[in-house]
Protein backbone atom coordinates (compact mmCIF):
# COMPACT_ATOMS: atom_id res chain seq x y z
CA UNK A 1 -7.70 -0.53 18.06
CA UNK A 2 -8.88 -0.22 14.45
CA UNK A 3 -7.76 -2.56 11.68
CA UNK A 4 -4.57 -1.39 10.00
CA UNK A 5 -3.68 -0.98 6.34
CA UNK A 6 -0.37 -2.75 6.93
CA UNK A 7 -2.11 -6.07 7.68
CA UNK A 8 -4.42 -6.07 4.64
CA UNK A 9 -4.01 -7.31 1.12
CA UNK A 10 -3.66 -4.34 -1.23
CA UNK A 11 -4.41 -3.83 -4.91
CA UNK A 12 -2.48 -0.93 -6.43
CA UNK A 13 -3.29 0.79 -9.70
CA UNK A 14 0.49 1.22 -10.19
CA UNK A 15 1.12 -2.53 -10.10
CA UNK A 16 -1.27 -3.13 -13.00
CA UNK A 17 1.04 -1.42 -15.48
CA UNK A 18 -1.76 0.32 -17.37
CA UNK A 19 -0.14 2.77 -19.80
CA UNK A 20 -2.25 3.48 -22.87
CA UNK A 21 -5.96 2.76 -23.16
CA UNK A 22 -7.73 2.34 -19.85
CA UNK A 23 -10.45 -0.32 -19.83
CA UNK A 24 -13.73 0.80 -18.23
CA UNK A 25 -13.70 -2.10 -15.76
CA UNK A 26 -11.23 -4.48 -14.17
CA UNK A 27 -12.27 -7.98 -13.14
CA UNK A 28 -10.36 -9.12 -10.06
CA UNK A 29 -10.58 -12.72 -8.87
CA UNK A 30 -9.37 -13.79 -5.44
CA UNK A 31 -9.98 -16.59 -2.98
CA UNK A 32 -11.58 -16.10 0.43
CA UNK A 33 -11.94 -19.06 2.77
CA UNK A 34 -11.86 -21.55 -0.09
CA UNK A 35 -14.36 -19.63 -2.20
CA UNK A 36 -13.44 -17.76 -5.40
CA UNK A 37 -14.81 -14.21 -5.55
CA UNK A 38 -14.85 -12.03 -8.67
CA UNK A 39 -15.12 -8.26 -8.26
CA UNK A 40 -15.91 -5.84 -11.08
CA UNK A 41 -14.00 -2.63 -10.30
CA UNK A 42 -14.60 0.49 -12.43
CA UNK A 43 -11.57 2.44 -13.64
CA UNK A 44 -11.24 6.09 -14.60
CA UNK A 45 -8.53 8.55 -15.58
CA UNK A 46 -7.66 12.07 -14.58
CA UNK A 47 -5.72 14.38 -16.93
CA UNK A 48 -2.29 15.48 -15.71
CA UNK A 49 -1.14 19.11 -15.84
CA UNK A 50 1.57 18.54 -18.44
CA UNK A 51 -0.25 16.03 -20.65
CA UNK A 52 -1.13 12.39 -20.30
CA UNK A 53 -3.57 10.75 -17.94
CA UNK A 54 -3.36 9.06 -14.57
CA UNK A 55 -5.47 5.92 -13.95
CA UNK A 56 -7.55 5.42 -10.78
CA UNK A 57 -9.87 2.81 -9.34
CA UNK A 58 -13.37 3.92 -8.43
CA UNK A 59 -14.27 2.47 -5.04
CA UNK A 60 -17.29 0.15 -5.51
CA UNK A 61 -18.82 1.38 -2.25
CA UNK A 62 -18.35 5.17 -2.09
CA UNK A 63 -17.56 5.97 -5.74
CA UNK A 64 -14.42 8.03 -5.02
CA UNK A 65 -11.18 7.85 -7.04
CA UNK A 66 -8.52 5.74 -5.31
CA UNK A 67 -5.02 4.49 -6.10
CA UNK A 68 -5.30 1.56 -3.69
CA UNK A 69 -8.06 -0.85 -2.73
CA UNK A 70 -7.76 -3.07 0.35
CA UNK A 71 -8.99 -6.49 1.42
CA UNK A 72 -8.82 -6.83 5.22
CA UNK A 73 -8.86 -10.27 6.86
CA UNK A 74 -12.39 -11.73 7.02
CA UNK A 75 -13.72 -9.21 4.49
CA UNK A 76 -15.26 -10.21 1.18
CA UNK A 77 -14.82 -7.06 -0.93
CA UNK A 78 -12.03 -4.88 -2.22
CA UNK A 79 -12.84 -1.35 -1.02
CA UNK A 80 -10.97 1.84 -0.22
CA UNK A 81 -9.39 2.56 3.16
CA UNK A 82 -12.22 4.84 4.27
CA UNK A 83 -14.99 2.36 3.44
CA UNK A 84 -13.25 -0.42 5.39
CA UNK A 85 -12.50 1.96 8.29
CA UNK A 86 -8.76 1.24 8.12
CA UNK A 87 -6.01 3.39 9.59
CA UNK A 88 -2.23 3.36 9.64
CA UNK A 89 -0.52 1.67 12.56
CA UNK A 90 1.77 4.63 13.25
CA UNK A 91 -1.22 6.92 13.71
CA UNK A 92 -2.56 4.56 16.36
CA UNK A 93 0.70 4.36 18.32
CA UNK A 94 1.76 8.00 17.91
CA UNK A 95 2.86 9.65 21.13
CA UNK A 96 2.84 6.41 23.09
CA UNK A 97 5.79 4.58 24.55
CA UNK A 98 5.60 2.07 21.65
CA UNK A 99 6.19 4.63 18.88
CA UNK A 100 10.00 4.19 18.57
CA UNK A 101 9.61 0.42 18.33
CA UNK A 102 6.97 0.63 15.60
CA UNK A 103 9.01 3.19 13.68
CA UNK A 104 11.99 0.83 13.80
CA UNK A 105 9.88 -2.10 12.61
CA UNK A 106 8.43 -0.11 9.72
CA UNK A 107 11.88 1.15 8.74
CA UNK A 108 13.20 -2.40 8.74
CA UNK A 109 10.26 -3.48 6.55
CA UNK A 110 11.00 -0.72 4.07
CA UNK A 111 14.67 -1.68 3.95
CA UNK A 112 13.75 -5.33 3.29
CA UNK A 113 11.49 -4.18 0.43
CA UNK A 114 14.45 -2.33 -1.10
CA UNK A 115 16.58 -5.46 -0.85
CA UNK A 116 13.80 -7.53 -2.40
CA UNK A 117 13.56 -5.06 -5.29
CA UNK A 118 17.31 -5.34 -5.81
CA UNK A 119 17.09 -9.14 -6.04
CA UNK A 120 14.34 -8.85 -8.66
CA UNK A 121 16.45 -6.49 -10.77
CA UNK A 122 14.72 -3.24 -9.87
CA UNK A 123 17.29 -0.62 -8.95
CA UNK A 124 15.85 2.18 -6.80
CA UNK A 125 17.45 5.58 -7.25
CA UNK A 126 20.37 6.16 -4.86
CA UNK A 127 19.91 2.81 -3.10
CA UNK A 128 23.23 3.00 -1.29
CA UNK A 129 22.48 6.38 0.30
CA UNK A 130 19.00 5.19 1.25
CA UNK A 131 20.45 2.07 2.83
CA UNK A 132 22.91 4.07 4.91
CA UNK A 133 20.21 6.52 5.98
CA UNK A 134 17.86 3.70 6.98
CA UNK A 135 20.62 1.95 8.93
CA UNK A 136 21.43 5.16 10.85
CA UNK A 137 17.78 5.82 11.68
CA UNK A 138 17.24 2.19 12.68
CA UNK A 139 20.25 2.31 15.02
CA UNK A 140 18.98 5.56 16.57
CA UNK A 141 15.46 4.23 17.05
CA UNK A 142 16.75 0.91 18.39
CA UNK A 143 18.77 2.87 20.97
CA UNK A 144 15.56 4.66 22.07
CA UNK A 145 13.74 1.36 22.54
CA UNK A 146 16.41 -0.21 24.75
């Protein structure tokens, strides 16, 4: 089984809150096994169709534009999903007897993220309908697992 994105630390361009001028590089410091590592990650922008620009990381290894960079366990560099050879857990369990269980677990994780956002004051659009939909799907998937 390949390493999965869900078990890695992730750096998102959206979490940085870059709105106006994009710096050419981003210095990211993190600790690995008691050692502080500093990565210099290039940034770029891509013009949007209706004006404005969208920021992206440039993967230090392959040079492609990416919205997310990952740091798997026991790795020392922030790289894109392709360079680390990561996959999604649902792709690995698709069409096996474990698929309903993993879908239920991922749905529960997403619901807990919504609740966490609510506690921090972020109000997702139509949270109540999403909550009801997630609860119905979770109940259906839980019934398949039993």
